[in-house]
Amino acid sequence: MNFVIAARWYWVGLLGSGALLAIAYFYFQLELGLPPCPLCMFQRACLVGVAFFCLLGLIFKPKKIGSKLLAFGGLVSSATGLAIAGRQVWLQNLPADQVPECGPDLEFMLEAFPLMQTIETVLSGSGECAEIQWQLLGLSMPAWMVLVFSVMVIICLKLLFIKERNYFSGALGR
């Protein structure tokens, strides 16, 4: 694998994550007026993590160990996002009588609770996370994010376990 291929994946990850974040904020939040639930905010944080590792790859053009570390960081961010989106899809498919009650908003929890308690509370989910506010082709936003994060996990695994790790030597390095 050479620089062009690795850089292409980094660009796809960076631009894809940036586009998803922009759509979430400018279209869903501002245009449609759909406030993000706490699980949605955590999914956005995972997208920022993926974008961060892709940006590092483009800036530093790492070799063997560095590229594995970036792929691992992207994998952790993607897998975390996948787990959170999966949890939200699960909440959305619970029978109405089993949906947890709505809790305080994320801003309040961050101010009032210790960080670990806030994270635990958010990840347990609440009634607002179980609401389906938007669908496309019969899939809710979190269901789409399950697909997106699954693709990101596969790409990161490919980059992590591919044999040739000297991405940034070659034609563009001359």
N, C-alpha and C. Protein backbone atom coordinates (compact mmCIF):
# COMPACT_ATOMS: atom_id res chain seq x y z
N MET A 1 0.86 -1.18 0.00
CA MET A 1 0.00 0.00 0.00
C MET A 1 0.89 1.23 0.00
N ASN A 2 0.56 2.22 -0.79
CA ASN A 2 1.41 3.39 -0.88
C ASN A 2 0.72 4.63 -0.31
N PHE A 3 1.41 5.73 -0.39
CA PHE A 3 0.93 6.99 0.18
C PHE A 3 -0.44 7.38 -0.36
N VAL A 4 -0.62 7.25 -1.66
CA VAL A 4 -1.85 7.70 -2.29
C VAL A 4 -3.05 6.95 -1.71
N ILE A 5 -2.93 5.64 -1.53
CA ILE A 5 -4.04 4.84 -1.00
C ILE A 5 -4.32 5.21 0.45
N ALA A 6 -3.28 5.29 1.28
CA ALA A 6 -3.48 5.62 2.69
C ALA A 6 -4.03 7.04 2.83
N ALA A 7 -3.47 7.97 2.08
CA ALA A 7 -3.94 9.35 2.16
C ALA A 7 -5.40 9.43 1.73
N ARG A 8 -5.78 8.62 0.76
CA ARG A 8 -7.17 8.60 0.31
C ARG A 8 -8.11 8.20 1.45
N TRP A 9 -7.72 7.18 2.21
CA TRP A 9 -8.55 6.75 3.35
C TRP A 9 -8.59 7.81 4.43
N TYR A 10 -7.47 8.47 4.66
CA TYR A 10 -7.46 9.55 5.65
C TYR A 10 -8.38 10.69 5.20
N TRP A 11 -8.31 11.03 3.92
CA TRP A 11 -9.18 12.09 3.41
C TRP A 11 -10.65 11.69 3.50
N VAL A 12 -10.95 10.44 3.15
CA VAL A 12 -12.34 9.96 3.23
C VAL A 12 -12.83 10.06 4.68
N GLY A 13 -12.00 9.63 5.63
CA GLY A 13 -12.39 9.68 7.04
C GLY A 13 -12.57 11.11 7.53
N LEU A 14 -11.65 11.98 7.17
CA LEU A 14 -11.72 13.37 7.62
C LEU A 14 -12.91 14.09 6.99
N LEU A 15 -13.05 14.00 5.69
CA LEU A 15 -14.14 14.71 5.01
C LEU A 15 -15.50 14.09 5.34
N GLY A 16 -15.54 12.76 5.44
CA GLY A 16 -16.79 12.09 5.79
C GLY A 16 -17.25 12.47 7.19
N SER A 17 -16.34 12.43 8.15
CA SER A 17 -16.70 12.80 9.52
C SER A 17 -17.10 14.27 9.60
N GLY A 18 -16.35 15.12 8.92
CA GLY A 18 -16.67 16.55 8.91
C GLY A 18 -18.03 16.81 8.28
N ALA A 19 -18.32 16.12 7.18
CA ALA A 19 -19.62 16.30 6.52
C ALA A 19 -20.76 15.83 7.42
N LEU A 20 -20.58 14.69 8.08
CA LEU A 20 -21.63 14.19 8.97
C LEU A 20 -21.86 15.14 10.14
N LEU A 21 -20.78 15.68 10.70
CA LEU A 21 -20.92 16.65 11.79
C LEU A 21 -21.62 17.92 11.32
N ALA A 22 -21.27 18.38 10.13
CA ALA A 22 -21.90 19.59 9.58
C ALA A 22 -23.39 19.35 9.31
N ILE A 23 -23.73 18.21 8.74
CA ILE A 23 -25.13 17.89 8.48
C ILE A 23 -25.91 17.81 9.79
N ALA A 24 -25.31 17.15 10.80
CA ALA A 24 -25.98 17.02 12.09
C ALA A 24 -26.27 18.39 12.70
N TYR A 25 -25.29 19.26 12.64
CA TYR A 25 -25.46 20.57 13.28
C TYR A 25 -26.30 21.51 12.42
N PHE A 26 -25.89 21.75 11.18
CA PHE A 26 -26.54 22.77 10.37
C PHE A 26 -27.92 22.35 9.86
N TYR A 27 -28.07 21.09 9.48
CA TYR A 27 -29.35 20.67 8.94
C TYR A 27 -30.30 20.18 10.04
N PHE A 28 -29.89 19.14 10.74
CA PHE A 28 -30.80 18.55 11.72
C PHE A 28 -31.06 19.47 12.92
N GLN A 29 -30.00 20.05 13.44
CA GLN A 29 -30.16 20.85 14.65
C GLN A 29 -30.69 22.26 14.35
N LEU A 30 -30.07 22.96 13.41
CA LEU A 30 -30.48 24.35 13.15
C LEU A 30 -31.67 24.45 12.20
N GLU A 31 -31.63 23.74 11.08
CA GLU A 31 -32.69 23.86 10.08
C GLU A 31 -33.98 23.16 10.51
N LEU A 32 -33.87 21.90 10.95
CA LEU A 32 -35.07 21.15 11.33
C LEU A 32 -35.45 21.34 12.80
N GLY A 33 -34.54 21.91 13.58
CA GLY A 33 -34.84 22.17 15.00
C GLY A 33 -34.87 20.91 15.85
N LEU A 34 -34.13 19.90 15.46
CA LEU A 34 -34.08 18.65 16.23
C LEU A 34 -32.91 18.71 17.21
N PRO A 35 -33.17 18.86 18.50
CA PRO A 35 -32.06 18.92 19.46
C PRO A 35 -31.42 17.54 19.62
N PRO A 36 -30.11 17.48 19.69
CA PRO A 36 -29.45 16.18 19.86
C PRO A 36 -29.63 15.67 21.29
N CYS A 37 -29.91 14.39 21.39
CA CYS A 37 -30.00 13.77 22.72
C CYS A 37 -28.57 13.50 23.21
N PRO A 38 -28.39 13.13 24.47
CA PRO A 38 -27.04 12.86 24.97
C PRO A 38 -26.29 11.77 24.19
N LEU A 39 -26.98 10.71 23.78
CA LEU A 39 -26.29 9.67 23.00
C LEU A 39 -25.86 10.21 21.64
N CYS A 40 -26.67 11.08 21.07
CA CYS A 40 -26.28 11.71 19.79
C CYS A 40 -25.02 12.56 19.96
N MET A 41 -24.94 13.27 21.07
CA MET A 41 -23.76 14.09 21.34
C MET A 41 -22.51 13.22 21.48
N PHE A 42 -22.65 12.08 22.12
CA PHE A 42 -21.51 11.17 22.25
C PHE A 42 -21.11 10.60 20.89
N GLN A 43 -22.09 10.34 20.02
CA GLN A 43 -21.76 9.87 18.67
C GLN A 43 -21.01 10.95 17.90
N ARG A 44 -21.41 12.18 18.09
CA ARG A 44 -20.69 13.29 17.44
C ARG A 44 -19.25 13.35 17.95
N ALA A 45 -19.07 13.13 19.24
CA ALA A 45 -17.71 13.13 19.81
C ALA A 45 -16.87 12.02 19.17
N CYS A 46 -17.48 10.88 18.91
CA CYS A 46 -16.75 9.79 18.25
C CYS A 46 -16.37 10.17 16.82
N LEU A 47 -17.25 10.89 16.12
CA LEU A 47 -16.91 11.37 14.78
C LEU A 47 -15.74 12.35 14.85
N VAL A 48 -15.73 13.20 15.85
CA VAL A 48 -14.60 14.13 16.03
C VAL A 48 -13.31 13.32 16.25
N GLY A 49 -13.40 12.24 17.02
CA GLY A 49 -12.23 11.38 17.25
C GLY A 49 -11.72 10.79 15.95
N VAL A 50 -12.61 10.28 15.11
CA VAL A 50 -12.20 9.72 13.81
C VAL A 50 -11.54 10.81 12.97
N ALA A 51 -12.16 11.98 12.91
CA ALA A 51 -11.60 13.08 12.13
C ALA A 51 -10.22 13.48 12.64
N PHE A 52 -10.05 13.47 13.96
CA PHE A 52 -8.78 13.82 14.57
C PHE A 52 -7.66 12.86 14.13
N PHE A 53 -7.93 11.56 14.20
CA PHE A 53 -6.90 10.59 13.81
C PHE A 53 -6.60 10.65 12.32
N CYS A 54 -7.61 10.91 11.50
CA CYS A 54 -7.38 11.07 10.07
C CYS A 54 -6.55 12.32 9.78
N LEU A 55 -6.84 13.39 10.47
CA LEU A 55 -6.07 14.62 10.29
C LEU A 55 -4.61 14.41 10.70
N LEU A 56 -4.40 13.71 11.80
CA LEU A 56 -3.01 13.41 12.21
C LEU A 56 -2.29 12.61 11.13
N GLY A 57 -2.99 11.67 10.51
CA GLY A 57 -2.38 10.89 9.44
C GLY A 57 -1.99 11.74 8.26
N LEU A 58 -2.82 12.70 7.91
CA LEU A 58 -2.50 13.57 6.78
C LEU A 58 -1.37 14.54 7.10
N ILE A 59 -1.32 15.00 8.34
CA ILE A 59 -0.29 15.97 8.72
C ILE A 59 1.08 15.30 8.88
N PHE A 60 1.12 14.19 9.61
CA PHE A 60 2.41 13.60 9.98
C PHE A 60 2.89 12.50 9.04
N LYS A 61 2.03 11.99 8.17
CA LYS A 61 2.42 10.94 7.22
C LYS A 61 3.23 9.83 7.92
N PRO A 62 2.63 9.16 8.90
CA PRO A 62 3.38 8.21 9.72
C PRO A 62 3.83 6.97 8.95
N LYS A 63 4.85 6.37 9.48
CA LYS A 63 5.33 5.11 8.93
C LYS A 63 4.75 3.98 9.78
N LYS A 64 5.35 2.83 9.79
CA LYS A 64 4.80 1.59 10.33
C LYS A 64 4.07 1.72 11.67
N ILE A 65 4.78 2.01 12.74
CA ILE A 65 4.15 2.03 14.07
C ILE A 65 3.18 3.19 14.19
N GLY A 66 3.53 4.34 13.68
CA GLY A 66 2.64 5.50 13.74
C GLY A 66 1.33 5.26 13.02
N SER A 67 1.40 4.61 11.86
CA SER A 67 0.17 4.35 11.12
C SER A 67 -0.70 3.33 11.84
N LYS A 68 -0.07 2.36 12.52
CA LYS A 68 -0.85 1.40 13.30
C LYS A 68 -1.52 2.09 14.49
N LEU A 69 -0.83 3.02 15.13
CA LEU A 69 -1.42 3.75 16.24
C LEU A 69 -2.61 4.60 15.79
N LEU A 70 -2.48 5.24 14.63
CA LEU A 70 -3.59 6.03 14.11
C LEU A 70 -4.76 5.13 13.73
N ALA A 71 -4.48 4.00 13.11
CA ALA A 71 -5.56 3.07 12.77
C ALA A 71 -6.25 2.55 14.03
N PHE A 72 -5.45 2.29 15.07
CA PHE A 72 -6.04 1.83 16.33
C PHE A 72 -6.89 2.93 16.97
N GLY A 73 -6.41 4.16 16.96
CA GLY A 73 -7.20 5.28 17.49
C GLY A 73 -8.50 5.45 16.73
N GLY A 74 -8.43 5.36 15.41
CA GLY A 74 -9.65 5.44 14.60
C GLY A 74 -10.58 4.28 14.89
N LEU A 75 -10.01 3.11 15.11
CA LEU A 75 -10.81 1.93 15.44
C LEU A 75 -11.53 2.11 16.77
N VAL A 76 -10.82 2.61 17.77
CA VAL A 76 -11.45 2.83 19.08
C VAL A 76 -12.57 3.85 18.97
N SER A 77 -12.34 4.95 18.26
CA SER A 77 -13.38 5.97 18.09
C SER A 77 -14.57 5.41 17.32
N SER A 78 -14.30 4.69 16.25
CA SER A 78 -15.38 4.12 15.43
C SER A 78 -16.17 3.06 16.19
N ALA A 79 -15.46 2.17 16.88
CA ALA A 79 -16.13 1.10 17.63
C ALA A 79 -16.95 1.67 18.78
N THR A 80 -16.44 2.70 19.42
CA THR A 80 -17.20 3.36 20.49
C THR A 80 -18.47 3.99 19.91
N GLY A 81 -18.34 4.68 18.79
CA GLY A 81 -19.50 5.26 18.12
C GLY A 81 -20.51 4.19 17.71
N LEU A 82 -20.00 3.07 17.22
CA LEU A 82 -20.87 1.95 16.83
C LEU A 82 -21.64 1.42 18.04
N ALA A 83 -20.96 1.26 19.15
CA ALA A 83 -21.62 0.76 20.37
C ALA A 83 -22.68 1.74 20.86
N ILE A 84 -22.38 3.02 20.83
CA ILE A 84 -23.33 4.03 21.29
C ILE A 84 -24.54 4.10 20.35
N ALA A 85 -24.29 4.10 19.05
CA ALA A 85 -25.40 4.12 18.09
C ALA A 85 -26.23 2.85 18.21
N GLY A 86 -25.57 1.72 18.41
CA GLY A 86 -26.29 0.46 18.60
C GLY A 86 -27.16 0.50 19.84
N ARG A 87 -26.64 1.07 20.90
CA ARG A 87 -27.42 1.21 22.13
C ARG A 87 -28.66 2.07 21.87
N GLN A 88 -28.51 3.14 21.11
CA GLN A 88 -29.65 4.01 20.84
C GLN A 88 -30.68 3.30 19.96
N VAL A 89 -30.24 2.53 18.99
CA VAL A 89 -31.17 1.76 18.16
C VAL A 89 -31.93 0.77 19.04
N TRP A 90 -31.23 0.14 19.97
CA TRP A 90 -31.87 -0.79 20.90
C TRP A 90 -32.94 -0.06 21.72
N LEU A 91 -32.60 1.11 22.25
CA LEU A 91 -33.57 1.90 23.02
C LEU A 91 -34.79 2.27 22.18
N GLN A 92 -34.54 2.60 20.91
CA GLN A 92 -35.65 2.99 20.03
C GLN A 92 -36.58 1.83 19.71
N ASN A 93 -36.10 0.62 19.86
CA ASN A 93 -36.91 -0.54 19.54
C ASN A 93 -37.51 -1.21 20.77
N LEU A 94 -37.32 -0.61 21.94
CA LEU A 94 -37.95 -1.15 23.15
C LEU A 94 -39.45 -0.89 23.12
N PRO A 95 -40.23 -1.78 23.73
CA PRO A 95 -41.66 -1.47 23.89
C PRO A 95 -41.81 -0.20 24.73
N ALA A 96 -42.86 0.56 24.47
CA ALA A 96 -43.05 1.87 25.12
C ALA A 96 -43.01 1.79 26.64
N ASP A 97 -43.50 0.70 27.21
CA ASP A 97 -43.52 0.60 28.68
C ASP A 97 -42.15 0.28 29.28
N GLN A 98 -41.18 -0.06 28.44
CA GLN A 98 -39.84 -0.37 28.94
C GLN A 98 -38.81 0.74 28.68
N VAL A 99 -39.22 1.79 28.00
CA VAL A 99 -38.31 2.91 27.71
C VAL A 99 -38.00 3.64 29.01
N PRO A 100 -36.72 3.90 29.29
CA PRO A 100 -36.38 4.64 30.51
C PRO A 100 -36.96 6.05 30.49
N GLU A 101 -37.13 6.60 31.68
CA GLU A 101 -37.63 7.97 31.78
C GLU A 101 -36.59 8.95 31.27
N CYS A 102 -37.07 10.11 30.84
CA CYS A 102 -36.14 11.16 30.40
C CYS A 102 -35.38 11.70 31.61
N GLY A 103 -34.11 11.93 31.43
CA GLY A 103 -33.29 12.45 32.51
C GLY A 103 -32.92 13.90 32.23
N PRO A 104 -32.00 14.44 33.03
CA PRO A 104 -31.56 15.82 32.79
C PRO A 104 -30.76 15.91 31.50
N ASP A 105 -30.65 17.11 30.95
CA ASP A 105 -29.89 17.26 29.72
C ASP A 105 -28.39 17.17 30.00
N LEU A 106 -27.64 16.95 28.92
CA LEU A 106 -26.20 16.71 29.03
C LEU A 106 -25.47 17.87 29.68
N GLU A 107 -25.82 19.09 29.33
CA GLU A 107 -25.15 20.27 29.90
C GLU A 107 -25.29 20.31 31.42
N PHE A 108 -26.50 20.04 31.91
CA PHE A 108 -26.73 20.02 33.35
C PHE A 108 -25.91 18.91 34.01
N MET A 109 -25.93 17.73 33.40
CA MET A 109 -25.19 16.60 34.00
C MET A 109 -23.70 16.90 34.08
N LEU A 110 -23.14 17.52 33.03
CA LEU A 110 -21.71 17.84 33.04
C LEU A 110 -21.37 18.84 34.14
N GLU A 111 -22.30 19.75 34.43
CA GLU A 111 -22.06 20.72 35.49
C GLU A 111 -22.30 20.15 36.88
N ALA A 112 -23.30 19.28 37.03
CA ALA A 112 -23.73 18.82 38.35
C ALA A 112 -23.10 17.51 38.81
N PHE A 113 -22.75 16.63 37.87
CA PHE A 113 -22.26 15.30 38.24
C PHE A 113 -20.78 15.17 37.93
N PRO A 114 -20.10 14.24 38.63
CA PRO A 114 -18.73 13.90 38.22
C PRO A 114 -18.75 13.31 36.80
N LEU A 115 -17.65 13.42 36.10
CA LEU A 115 -17.58 13.00 34.70
C LEU A 115 -17.99 11.54 34.51
N MET A 116 -17.47 10.64 35.33
CA MET A 116 -17.78 9.22 35.15
C MET A 116 -19.27 8.95 35.37
N GLN A 117 -19.88 9.62 36.33
CA GLN A 117 -21.32 9.44 36.56
C GLN A 117 -22.11 9.97 35.37
N THR A 118 -21.68 11.07 34.80
CA THR A 118 -22.34 11.61 33.62
C THR A 118 -22.27 10.62 32.47
N ILE A 119 -21.08 10.07 32.24
CA ILE A 119 -20.91 9.10 31.15
C ILE A 119 -21.79 7.88 31.37
N GLU A 120 -21.80 7.35 32.60
CA GLU A 120 -22.64 6.19 32.90
C GLU A 120 -24.12 6.50 32.69
N THR A 121 -24.55 7.67 33.14
CA THR A 121 -25.95 8.06 33.00
C THR A 121 -26.33 8.19 31.52
N VAL A 122 -25.47 8.82 30.75
CA VAL A 122 -25.75 9.01 29.32
C VAL A 122 -25.81 7.67 28.61
N LEU A 123 -24.84 6.81 28.88
CA LEU A 123 -24.78 5.53 28.17
C LEU A 123 -25.93 4.59 28.54
N SER A 124 -26.51 4.79 29.71
CA SER A 124 -27.67 3.98 30.07
C SER A 124 -28.88 4.39 29.24
N GLY A 125 -28.85 5.60 28.71
CA GLY A 125 -29.92 6.08 27.83
C GLY A 125 -31.09 6.64 28.61
N SER A 126 -31.93 7.36 27.90
CA SER A 126 -33.13 7.93 28.52
C SER A 126 -34.23 7.96 27.48
N GLY A 127 -35.40 8.40 27.90
CA GLY A 127 -36.55 8.44 27.01
C GLY A 127 -36.33 9.30 25.78
N GLU A 128 -35.62 10.41 25.94
CA GLU A 128 -35.39 11.27 24.78
C GLU A 128 -34.51 10.59 23.74
N CYS A 129 -33.64 9.68 24.17
CA CYS A 129 -32.79 8.95 23.22
C CYS A 129 -33.57 7.88 22.48
N ALA A 130 -34.73 7.50 23.01
CA ALA A 130 -35.55 6.46 22.38
C ALA A 130 -36.51 7.03 21.33
N GLU A 131 -36.66 8.35 21.31
CA GLU A 131 -37.54 8.97 20.32
C GLU A 131 -36.94 8.87 18.93
N ILE A 132 -37.77 8.56 17.96
CA ILE A 132 -37.34 8.57 16.56
C ILE A 132 -37.84 9.88 15.97
N GLN A 133 -36.92 10.81 15.74
CA GLN A 133 -37.28 12.15 15.28
C GLN A 133 -37.20 12.29 13.76
N TRP A 134 -36.49 11.38 13.11
CA TRP A 134 -36.25 11.51 11.67
C TRP A 134 -35.94 10.13 11.12
N GLN A 135 -36.38 9.86 9.90
CA GLN A 135 -36.08 8.59 9.23
C GLN A 135 -35.81 8.83 7.76
N LEU A 136 -34.97 7.97 7.21
CA LEU A 136 -34.72 7.94 5.77
C LEU A 136 -34.70 6.49 5.36
N LEU A 137 -35.52 6.13 4.41
CA LEU A 137 -35.65 4.75 3.93
C LEU A 137 -35.97 3.79 5.07
N GLY A 138 -36.74 4.26 6.03
CA GLY A 138 -37.17 3.42 7.14
C GLY A 138 -36.16 3.27 8.25
N LEU A 139 -35.01 3.92 8.14
CA LEU A 139 -33.98 3.84 9.18
C LEU A 139 -33.88 5.16 9.92
N SER A 140 -33.78 5.07 11.24
CA SER A 140 -33.60 6.27 12.06
C SER A 140 -32.17 6.76 11.96
N MET A 141 -31.93 7.97 12.49
CA MET A 141 -30.57 8.52 12.48
C MET A 141 -29.55 7.57 13.13
N PRO A 142 -29.84 7.04 14.33
CA PRO A 142 -28.87 6.12 14.93
C PRO A 142 -28.65 4.85 14.11
N ALA A 143 -29.67 4.39 13.43
CA ALA A 143 -29.50 3.20 12.58
C ALA A 143 -28.54 3.51 11.42
N TRP A 144 -28.68 4.71 10.85
CA TRP A 144 -27.73 5.12 9.81
C TRP A 144 -26.31 5.22 10.38
N MET A 145 -26.22 5.72 11.61
CA MET A 145 -24.89 5.85 12.22
C MET A 145 -24.29 4.48 12.53
N VAL A 146 -25.12 3.48 12.82
CA VAL A 146 -24.60 2.11 12.97
C VAL A 146 -23.92 1.68 11.67
N LEU A 147 -24.57 1.97 10.54
CA LEU A 147 -23.97 1.62 9.25
C LEU A 147 -22.68 2.40 9.01
N VAL A 148 -22.70 3.70 9.26
CA VAL A 148 -21.53 4.54 9.05
C VAL A 148 -20.35 4.08 9.92
N PHE A 149 -20.61 3.89 11.21
CA PHE A 149 -19.54 3.46 12.11
C PHE A 149 -19.06 2.04 11.77
N SER A 150 -19.93 1.17 11.28
CA SER A 150 -19.51 -0.17 10.87
C SER A 150 -18.51 -0.09 9.72
N VAL A 151 -18.80 0.76 8.75
CA VAL A 151 -17.86 0.95 7.63
C VAL A 151 -16.53 1.50 8.15
N MET A 152 -16.59 2.45 9.07
CA MET A 152 -15.37 3.02 9.63
C MET A 152 -14.56 1.96 10.38
N VAL A 153 -15.22 1.10 11.12
CA VAL A 153 -14.53 0.02 11.83
C VAL A 153 -13.83 -0.90 10.83
N ILE A 154 -14.51 -1.26 9.76
CA ILE A 154 -13.92 -2.15 8.74
C ILE A 154 -12.69 -1.51 8.11
N ILE A 155 -12.79 -0.23 7.77
CA ILE A 155 -11.66 0.47 7.16
C ILE A 155 -10.48 0.52 8.13
N CYS A 156 -10.75 0.84 9.40
CA CYS A 156 -9.67 0.91 10.39
C CYS A 156 -9.03 -0.46 10.60
N LEU A 157 -9.83 -1.51 10.62
CA LEU A 157 -9.27 -2.86 10.76
C LEU A 157 -8.39 -3.20 9.56
N LYS A 158 -8.84 -2.82 8.37
CA LYS A 158 -8.04 -3.05 7.17
C LYS A 158 -6.69 -2.33 7.28
N LEU A 159 -6.74 -1.06 7.67
CA LEU A 159 -5.50 -0.29 7.80
C LEU A 159 -4.61 -0.82 8.94
N LEU A 160 -5.23 -1.34 9.99
CA LEU A 160 -4.49 -1.84 11.13
C LEU A 160 -3.77 -3.15 10.82
N PHE A 161 -4.41 -4.01 10.06
CA PHE A 161 -3.87 -5.36 9.87
C PHE A 161 -3.27 -5.62 8.50
N ILE A 162 -3.23 -4.62 7.65
CA ILE A 162 -2.62 -4.83 6.35
C ILE A 162 -1.11 -5.01 6.53
N LYS A 163 -0.49 -5.86 5.74
CA LYS A 163 0.93 -6.19 5.94
C LYS A 163 1.85 -5.03 5.63
N GLU A 164 1.69 -4.40 4.49
CA GLU A 164 2.56 -3.30 4.10
C GLU A 164 2.17 -2.05 4.87
N ARG A 165 3.05 -1.55 5.69
CA ARG A 165 2.74 -0.40 6.53
C ARG A 165 3.51 0.86 6.12
N ASN A 166 4.30 0.79 5.10
CA ASN A 166 5.11 1.93 4.71
C ASN A 166 4.32 2.81 3.73
N TYR A 167 3.25 3.42 4.23
CA TYR A 167 2.33 4.16 3.39
C TYR A 167 2.96 5.36 2.71
N PHE A 168 3.80 6.08 3.41
CA PHE A 168 4.15 7.41 2.97
C PHE A 168 5.50 7.49 2.28
N SER A 169 6.02 6.38 1.85
CA SER A 169 7.21 6.44 1.01
C SER A 169 6.76 6.21 -0.43
N GLY A 170 7.51 6.63 -1.34
CA GLY A 170 7.12 6.38 -2.72
C GLY A 170 7.00 7.64 -3.54
N ALA A 171 6.09 7.60 -4.46
CA ALA A 171 6.00 8.61 -5.51
C ALA A 171 5.89 10.04 -4.99
N LEU A 172 5.10 10.27 -3.99
CA LEU A 172 4.92 11.64 -3.52
C LEU A 172 6.05 12.11 -2.62
N GLY A 173 6.87 11.22 -2.14
CA GLY A 173 7.96 11.59 -1.25
C GLY A 173 9.18 12.06 -2.01
N ARG A 174 9.18 11.99 -3.33
CA ARG A 174 10.36 12.35 -4.13
C ARG A 174 10.46 13.82 -4.38
